[in-house]
Amino acid sequence: AYQVRSVLEQLAAELSAPSFRGNTAELELELEGFIQAAKDRDVKLYSTRDMEFHRTIVNASGNQLLINMWNSVVLE
């Protein structure tokens, strides 16, 4: 599942990059939460924040099939 997820996330990053150009506030917010959870050594929150960071990128791709496939793989 991780191999498939990595390919889906690479495509999502490529597709979503234009939408983040000059508009990274949402990504930065997710990243801050991710970093803080790591500093706090909160494994559960770290995992949740990590997932939300990646979900933000995948959703920004605007490709519903890709989003559905990523959600399916993540549930594995």
PDB file of N, CA and C in Angstrom:
ATOM      1  N   ALA A   1       0.827  -1.201   0.000  1.00  0.00           N
ATOM      2  CA  ALA A   1       0.000   0.000   0.000  1.00  0.00           C
ATOM      3  C   ALA A   1       0.870   1.264   0.000  1.00  0.00           C
ATOM      4  N   TYR A   2       2.009   1.210   0.697  1.00  0.00           N
ATOM      5  CA  TYR A   2       2.862   2.407   0.763  1.00  0.00           C
ATOM      6  C   TYR A   2       3.472   2.756  -0.589  1.00  0.00           C
ATOM      7  N   GLN A   3       3.792   1.744  -1.384  1.00  0.00           N
ATOM      8  CA  GLN A   3       4.333   2.016  -2.718  1.00  0.00           C
ATOM      9  C   GLN A   3       3.293   2.722  -3.584  1.00  0.00           C
ATOM     10  N   VAL A   4       2.072   2.254  -3.538  1.00  0.00           N
ATOM     11  CA  VAL A   4       0.994   2.858  -4.327  1.00  0.00           C
ATOM     12  C   VAL A   4       0.704   4.265  -3.808  1.00  0.00           C
ATOM     13  N   ARG A   5       0.669   4.385  -2.492  1.00  0.00           N
ATOM     14  CA  ARG A   5       0.403   5.703  -1.897  1.00  0.00           C
ATOM     15  C   ARG A   5       1.472   6.713  -2.315  1.00  0.00           C
ATOM     16  N   SER A   6       2.720   6.292  -2.334  1.00  0.00           N
ATOM     17  CA  SER A   6       3.787   7.226  -2.696  1.00  0.00           C
ATOM     18  C   SER A   6       3.652   7.709  -4.143  1.00  0.00           C
ATOM     19  N   VAL A   7       3.229   6.821  -5.025  1.00  0.00           N
ATOM     20  CA  VAL A   7       3.036   7.219  -6.433  1.00  0.00           C
ATOM     21  C   VAL A   7       1.849   8.170  -6.548  1.00  0.00           C
ATOM     22  N   LEU A   8       0.773   7.868  -5.842  1.00  0.00           N
ATOM     23  CA  LEU A   8      -0.401   8.743  -5.869  1.00  0.00           C
ATOM     24  C   LEU A   8      -0.062  10.125  -5.304  1.00  0.00           C
ATOM     25  N   GLU A   9       0.723  10.154  -4.227  1.00  0.00           N
ATOM     26  CA  GLU A   9       1.071  11.430  -3.618  1.00  0.00           C
ATOM     27  C   GLU A   9       2.024  12.235  -4.496  1.00  0.00           C
ATOM     28  N   GLN A  10       2.889  11.563  -5.219  1.00  0.00           N
ATOM     29  CA  GLN A  10       3.762  12.279  -6.145  1.00  0.00           C
ATOM     30  C   GLN A  10       2.933  12.953  -7.235  1.00  0.00           C
ATOM     31  N   LEU A  11       1.983  12.208  -7.802  1.00  0.00           N
ATOM     32  CA  LEU A  11       1.113  12.782  -8.828  1.00  0.00           C
ATOM     33  C   LEU A  11       0.286  13.924  -8.242  1.00  0.00           C
ATOM     34  N   ALA A  12      -0.233  13.729  -7.039  1.00  0.00           N
ATOM     35  CA  ALA A  12      -1.022  14.776  -6.397  1.00  0.00           C
ATOM     36  C   ALA A  12      -0.192  16.037  -6.193  1.00  0.00           C
ATOM     37  N   ALA A  13       1.060  15.886  -5.797  1.00  0.00           N
ATOM     38  CA  ALA A  13       1.935  17.043  -5.597  1.00  0.00           C
ATOM     39  C   ALA A  13       2.159  17.780  -6.911  1.00  0.00           C
ATOM     40  N   GLU A  14       2.374  17.030  -7.966  1.00  0.00           N
ATOM     41  CA  GLU A  14       2.580  17.653  -9.278  1.00  0.00           C
ATOM     42  C   GLU A  14       1.335  18.406  -9.737  1.00  0.00           C
ATOM     43  N   LEU A  15       0.172  17.797  -9.535  1.00  0.00           N
ATOM     44  CA  LEU A  15      -1.078  18.423  -9.966  1.00  0.00           C
ATOM     45  C   LEU A  15      -1.471  19.614  -9.097  1.00  0.00           C
ATOM     46  N   SER A  16      -1.142  19.546  -7.816  1.00  0.00           N
ATOM     47  CA  SER A  16      -1.577  20.602  -6.891  1.00  0.00           C
ATOM     48  C   SER A  16      -0.595  21.762  -6.802  1.00  0.00           C
ATOM     49  N   ALA A  17       0.618  21.584  -7.272  1.00  0.00           N
ATOM     50  CA  ALA A  17       1.641  22.636  -7.151  1.00  0.00           C
ATOM     51  C   ALA A  17       1.160  24.000  -7.652  1.00  0.00           C
ATOM     52  N   PRO A  18       0.518  24.072  -8.818  1.00  0.00           N
ATOM     53  CA  PRO A  18       0.064  25.395  -9.287  1.00  0.00           C
ATOM     54  C   PRO A  18      -0.916  26.071  -8.318  1.00  0.00           C
ATOM     55  N   SER A  19      -1.742  25.289  -7.653  1.00  0.00           N
ATOM     56  CA  SER A  19      -2.724  25.894  -6.745  1.00  0.00           C
ATOM     57  C   SER A  19      -2.072  26.410  -5.458  1.00  0.00           C
ATOM     58  N   PHE A  20      -0.891  25.893  -5.125  1.00  0.00           N
ATOM     59  CA  PHE A  20      -0.194  26.347  -3.926  1.00  0.00           C
ATOM     60  C   PHE A  20       0.780  27.491  -4.198  1.00  0.00           C
ATOM     61  N   ARG A  21       1.047  27.758  -5.464  1.00  0.00           N
ATOM     62  CA  ARG A  21       1.977  28.836  -5.809  1.00  0.00           C
ATOM     63  C   ARG A  21       1.440  30.161  -5.257  1.00  0.00           C
ATOM     64  N   GLY A  22       2.175  30.737  -4.323  1.00  0.00           N
ATOM     65  CA  GLY A  22       1.759  31.997  -3.707  1.00  0.00           C
ATOM     66  C   GLY A  22       0.616  31.856  -2.726  1.00  0.00           C
ATOM     67  N   ASN A  23       0.253  30.607  -2.399  1.00  0.00           N
ATOM     68  CA  ASN A  23      -0.906  30.354  -1.538  1.00  0.00           C
ATOM     69  C   ASN A  23      -0.623  29.126  -0.666  1.00  0.00           C
ATOM     70  N   THR A  24       0.355  29.243   0.220  1.00  0.00           N
ATOM     71  CA  THR A  24       0.780  28.084   1.006  1.00  0.00           C
ATOM     72  C   THR A  24       0.287  28.098   2.449  1.00  0.00           C
ATOM     73  N   ALA A  25      -0.582  29.021   2.792  1.00  0.00           N
ATOM     74  CA  ALA A  25      -1.017  29.169   4.186  1.00  0.00           C
ATOM     75  C   ALA A  25      -1.600  27.875   4.753  1.00  0.00           C
ATOM     76  N   GLU A  26      -2.442  27.204   3.988  1.00  0.00           N
ATOM     77  CA  GLU A  26      -3.063  25.969   4.476  1.00  0.00           C
ATOM     78  C   GLU A  26      -2.009  24.884   4.703  1.00  0.00           C
ATOM     79  N   LEU A  27      -1.088  24.758   3.786  1.00  0.00           N
ATOM     80  CA  LEU A  27      -0.002  23.780   3.942  1.00  0.00           C
ATOM     81  C   LEU A  27       0.871  24.115   5.146  1.00  0.00           C
ATOM     82  N   GLU A  28       1.196  25.387   5.303  1.00  0.00           N
ATOM     83  CA  GLU A  28       2.034  25.807   6.421  1.00  0.00           C
ATOM     84  C   GLU A  28       1.354  25.530   7.754  1.00  0.00           C
ATOM     85  N   LEU A  29       0.057  25.735   7.824  1.00  0.00           N
ATOM     86  CA  LEU A  29      -0.694  25.464   9.051  1.00  0.00           C
ATOM     87  C   LEU A  29      -0.628  23.976   9.391  1.00  0.00           C
ATOM     88  N   GLU A  30      -0.843  23.134   8.391  1.00  0.00           N
ATOM     89  CA  GLU A  30      -0.766  21.683   8.618  1.00  0.00           C
ATOM     90  C   GLU A  30       0.645  21.281   9.033  1.00  0.00           C
ATOM     91  N   LEU A  31       1.637  21.865   8.400  1.00  0.00           N
ATOM     92  CA  LEU A  31       3.025  21.559   8.715  1.00  0.00           C
ATOM     93  C   LEU A  31       3.371  21.966  10.146  1.00  0.00           C
ATOM     94  N   GLU A  32       2.899  23.118  10.575  1.00  0.00           N
ATOM     95  CA  GLU A  32       3.150  23.569  11.952  1.00  0.00           C
ATOM     96  C   GLU A  32       2.584  22.580  12.967  1.00  0.00           C
ATOM     97  N   GLY A  33       1.367  22.086  12.710  1.00  0.00           N
ATOM     98  CA  GLY A  33       0.760  21.103  13.609  1.00  0.00           C
ATOM     99  C   GLY A  33       1.539  19.806  13.630  1.00  0.00           C
ATOM    100  N   PHE A  34       2.027  19.410  12.489  1.00  0.00           N
ATOM    101  CA  PHE A  34       2.826  18.208  12.318  1.00  0.00           C
ATOM    102  C   PHE A  34       4.131  18.321  13.117  1.00  0.00           C
ATOM    103  N   ILE A  35       4.799  19.453  12.991  1.00  0.00           N
ATOM    104  CA  ILE A  35       6.063  19.686  13.695  1.00  0.00           C
ATOM    105  C   ILE A  35       5.845  19.763  15.201  1.00  0.00           C
ATOM    106  N   GLN A  36       4.797  20.443  15.621  1.00  0.00           N
ATOM    107  CA  GLN A  36       4.525  20.563  17.052  1.00  0.00           C
ATOM    108  C   GLN A  36       4.225  19.202  17.670  1.00  0.00           C
ATOM    109  N   ALA A  37       3.474  18.382  16.970  1.00  0.00           N
ATOM    110  CA  ALA A  37       3.185  17.034  17.482  1.00  0.00           C
ATOM    111  C   ALA A  37       4.473  16.233  17.638  1.00  0.00           C
ATOM    112  N   ALA A  38       5.404  16.402  16.706  1.00  0.00           N
ATOM    113  CA  ALA A  38       6.699  15.707  16.802  1.00  0.00           C
ATOM    114  C   ALA A  38       7.470  16.214  18.019  1.00  0.00           C
ATOM    115  N   LYS A  39       7.483  17.531  18.210  1.00  0.00           N
ATOM    116  CA  LYS A  39       8.182  18.102  19.363  1.00  0.00           C
ATOM    117  C   LYS A  39       7.588  17.616  20.676  1.00  0.00           C
ATOM    118  N   ASP A  40       6.252  17.475  20.684  1.00  0.00           N
ATOM    119  CA  ASP A  40       5.546  17.015  21.886  1.00  0.00           C
ATOM    120  C   ASP A  40       5.616  15.497  22.054  1.00  0.00           C
ATOM    121  N   ARG A  41       6.175  14.833  21.072  1.00  0.00           N
ATOM    122  CA  ARG A  41       6.259  13.361  21.066  1.00  0.00           C
ATOM    123  C   ARG A  41       4.876  12.711  21.205  1.00  0.00           C
ATOM    124  N   ASP A  42       3.898  13.353  20.582  1.00  0.00           N
ATOM    125  CA  ASP A  42       2.526  12.855  20.582  1.00  0.00           C
ATOM    126  C   ASP A  42       2.339  12.041  19.304  1.00  0.00           C
ATOM    127  N   VAL A  43       2.533  10.739  19.422  1.00  0.00           N
ATOM    128  CA  VAL A  43       2.530   9.863  18.251  1.00  0.00           C
ATOM    129  C   VAL A  43       1.183   9.858  17.545  1.00  0.00           C
ATOM    130  N   LYS A  44       0.115   9.826  18.311  1.00  0.00           N
ATOM    131  CA  LYS A  44      -1.220   9.796  17.698  1.00  0.00           C
ATOM    132  C   LYS A  44      -1.491  11.096  16.929  1.00  0.00           C
ATOM    133  N   LEU A  45      -1.224  12.231  17.550  1.00  0.00           N
ATOM    134  CA  LEU A  45      -1.447  13.513  16.880  1.00  0.00           C
ATOM    135  C   LEU A  45      -0.490  13.679  15.700  1.00  0.00           C
ATOM    136  N   TYR A  46       0.742  13.209  15.858  1.00  0.00           N
ATOM    137  CA  TYR A  46       1.721  13.255  14.776  1.00  0.00           C
ATOM    138  C   TYR A  46       1.183  12.528  13.545  1.00  0.00           C
ATOM    139  N   SER A  47       0.661  11.345  13.770  1.00  0.00           N
ATOM    140  CA  SER A  47       0.106  10.544  12.673  1.00  0.00           C
ATOM    141  C   SER A  47      -1.083  11.245  12.025  1.00  0.00           C
ATOM    142  N   THR A  48      -1.946  11.813  12.843  1.00  0.00           N
ATOM    143  CA  THR A  48      -3.120  12.528  12.333  1.00  0.00           C
ATOM    144  C   THR A  48      -2.702  13.744  11.522  1.00  0.00           C
ATOM    145  N   ARG A  49      -1.764  14.520  12.046  1.00  0.00           N
ATOM    146  CA  ARG A  49      -1.301  15.723  11.345  1.00  0.00           C
ATOM    147  C   ARG A  49      -0.583  15.381  10.040  1.00  0.00           C
ATOM    148  N   ASP A  50       0.185  14.312  10.080  1.00  0.00           N
ATOM    149  CA  ASP A  50       0.873  13.847   8.872  1.00  0.00           C
ATOM    150  C   ASP A  50      -0.151  13.509   7.791  1.00  0.00           C
ATOM    151  N   MET A  51      -1.172  12.774   8.182  1.00  0.00           N
ATOM    152  CA  MET A  51      -2.211  12.380   7.238  1.00  0.00           C
ATOM    153  C   MET A  51      -2.934  13.603   6.685  1.00  0.00           C
ATOM    154  N   GLU A  52      -3.228  14.568   7.535  1.00  0.00           N
ATOM    155  CA  GLU A  52      -3.929  15.770   7.087  1.00  0.00           C
ATOM    156  C   GLU A  52      -3.062  16.614   6.158  1.00  0.00           C
ATOM    157  N   PHE A  53      -1.764  16.653   6.407  1.00  0.00           N
ATOM    158  CA  PHE A  53      -0.848  17.373   5.519  1.00  0.00           C
ATOM    159  C   PHE A  53      -0.911  16.772   4.118  1.00  0.00           C
ATOM    160  N   HIS A  54      -0.824  15.456   4.048  1.00  0.00           N
ATOM    161  CA  HIS A  54      -0.873  14.782   2.755  1.00  0.00           C
ATOM    162  C   HIS A  54      -2.255  14.897   2.118  1.00  0.00           C
ATOM    163  N   ARG A  55      -3.295  14.810   2.932  1.00  0.00           N
ATOM    164  CA  ARG A  55      -4.665  14.950   2.418  1.00  0.00           C
ATOM    165  C   ARG A  55      -4.868  16.329   1.787  1.00  0.00           C
ATOM    166  N   THR A  56      -4.296  17.365   2.387  1.00  0.00           N
ATOM    167  CA  THR A  56      -4.397  18.719   1.852  1.00  0.00           C
ATOM    168  C   THR A  56      -3.816  18.780   0.440  1.00  0.00           C
ATOM    169  N   ILE A  57      -2.674  18.146   0.263  1.00  0.00           N
ATOM    170  CA  ILE A  57      -2.021  18.127  -1.049  1.00  0.00           C
ATOM    171  C   ILE A  57      -2.856  17.330  -2.049  1.00  0.00           C
ATOM    172  N   VAL A  58      -3.318  16.165  -1.632  1.00  0.00           N
ATOM    173  CA  VAL A  58      -4.111  15.310  -2.528  1.00  0.00           C
ATOM    174  C   VAL A  58      -5.393  16.020  -2.932  1.00  0.00           C
ATOM    175  N   ASN A  59      -6.084  16.616  -1.982  1.00  0.00           N
ATOM    176  CA  ASN A  59      -7.334  17.316  -2.299  1.00  0.00           C
ATOM    177  C   ASN A  59      -7.107  18.495  -3.230  1.00  0.00           C
ATOM    178  N   ALA A  60      -5.976  19.160  -3.079  1.00  0.00           N
ATOM    179  CA  ALA A  60      -5.671  20.315  -3.926  1.00  0.00           C
ATOM    180  C   ALA A  60      -5.397  19.910  -5.375  1.00  0.00           C
ATOM    181  N   SER A  61      -5.183  18.621  -5.609  1.00  0.00           N
ATOM    182  CA  SER A  61      -4.965  18.165  -6.983  1.00  0.00           C
ATOM    183  C   SER A  61      -6.202  18.397  -7.840  1.00  0.00           C
ATOM    184  N   GLY A  62      -7.369  18.384  -7.189  1.00  0.00           N
ATOM    185  CA  GLY A  62      -8.618  18.575  -7.912  1.00  0.00           C
ATOM    186  C   GLY A  62      -9.041  17.380  -8.744  1.00  0.00           C
ATOM    187  N   ASN A  63      -8.323  16.279  -8.631  1.00  0.00           N
ATOM    188  CA  ASN A  63      -8.613  15.083  -9.415  1.00  0.00           C
ATOM    189  C   ASN A  63      -9.376  14.101  -8.522  1.00  0.00           C
ATOM    190  N   GLN A  64     -10.690  14.001  -8.739  1.00  0.00           N
ATOM    191  CA  GLN A  64     -11.529  13.199  -7.855  1.00  0.00           C
ATOM    192  C   GLN A  64     -11.161  11.718  -7.860  1.00  0.00           C
ATOM    193  N   LEU A  65     -10.783  11.184  -8.996  1.00  0.00           N
ATOM    194  CA  LEU A  65     -10.372   9.779  -9.046  1.00  0.00           C
ATOM    195  C   LEU A  65      -9.118   9.569  -8.201  1.00  0.00           C
ATOM    196  N   LEU A  66      -8.164  10.455  -8.323  1.00  0.00           N
ATOM    197  CA  LEU A  66      -6.946  10.371  -7.525  1.00  0.00           C
ATOM    198  C   LEU A  66      -7.275  10.469  -6.035  1.00  0.00           C
ATOM    199  N   ILE A  67      -8.138  11.396  -5.677  1.00  0.00           N
ATOM    200  CA  ILE A  67      -8.549  11.564  -4.280  1.00  0.00           C
ATOM    201  C   ILE A  67      -9.194  10.285  -3.763  1.00  0.00           C
ATOM    202  N   ASN A  68     -10.096   9.708  -4.543  1.00  0.00           N
ATOM    203  CA  ASN A  68     -10.765   8.469  -4.138  1.00  0.00           C
ATOM    204  C   ASN A  68      -9.778   7.322  -3.982  1.00  0.00           C
ATOM    205  N   MET A  69      -8.857   7.207  -4.924  1.00  0.00           N
ATOM    206  CA  MET A  69      -7.856   6.139  -4.854  1.00  0.00           C
ATOM    207  C   MET A  69      -6.963   6.321  -3.632  1.00  0.00           C
ATOM    208  N   TRP A  70      -6.528   7.557  -3.372  1.00  0.00           N
ATOM    209  CA  TRP A  70      -5.678   7.825  -2.215  1.00  0.00           C
ATOM    210  C   TRP A  70      -6.419   7.475  -0.920  1.00  0.00           C
ATOM    211  N   ASN A  71      -7.683   7.910  -0.814  1.00  0.00           N
ATOM    212  CA  ASN A  71      -8.472   7.576   0.370  1.00  0.00           C
ATOM    213  C   ASN A  71      -8.593   6.076   0.557  1.00  0.00           C
ATOM    214  N   SER A  72      -8.761   5.354  -0.527  1.00  0.00           N
ATOM    215  CA  SER A  72      -8.865   3.899  -0.468  1.00  0.00           C
ATOM    216  C   SER A  72      -7.573   3.268   0.033  1.00  0.00           C
ATOM    217  N   VAL A  73      -6.448   3.747  -0.471  1.00  0.00           N
ATOM    218  CA  VAL A  73      -5.147   3.202  -0.065  1.00  0.00           C
ATOM    219  C   VAL A  73      -4.852   3.539   1.383  1.00  0.00           C
ATOM    220  N   VAL A  74      -5.196   4.743   1.811  1.00  0.00           N
ATOM    221  CA  VAL A  74      -4.948   5.157   3.184  1.00  0.00           C
ATOM    222  C   VAL A  74      -5.726   4.295   4.172  1.00  0.00           C
ATOM    223  N   LEU A  75      -6.912   3.879   3.786  1.00  0.00           N
ATOM    224  CA  LEU A  75      -7.731   3.038   4.669  1.00  0.00           C
ATOM    225  C   LEU A  75      -7.123   1.652   4.863  1.00  0.00           C
ATOM    226  N   GLU A  76      -6.249   1.248   3.941  1.00  0.00           N
ATOM    227  CA  GLU A  76      -5.564  -0.033   4.077  1.00  0.00           C
ATOM    228  C   GLU A  76      -4.661   0.040   5.284  1.00  0.00           C
TER     229      GLU A  76
END
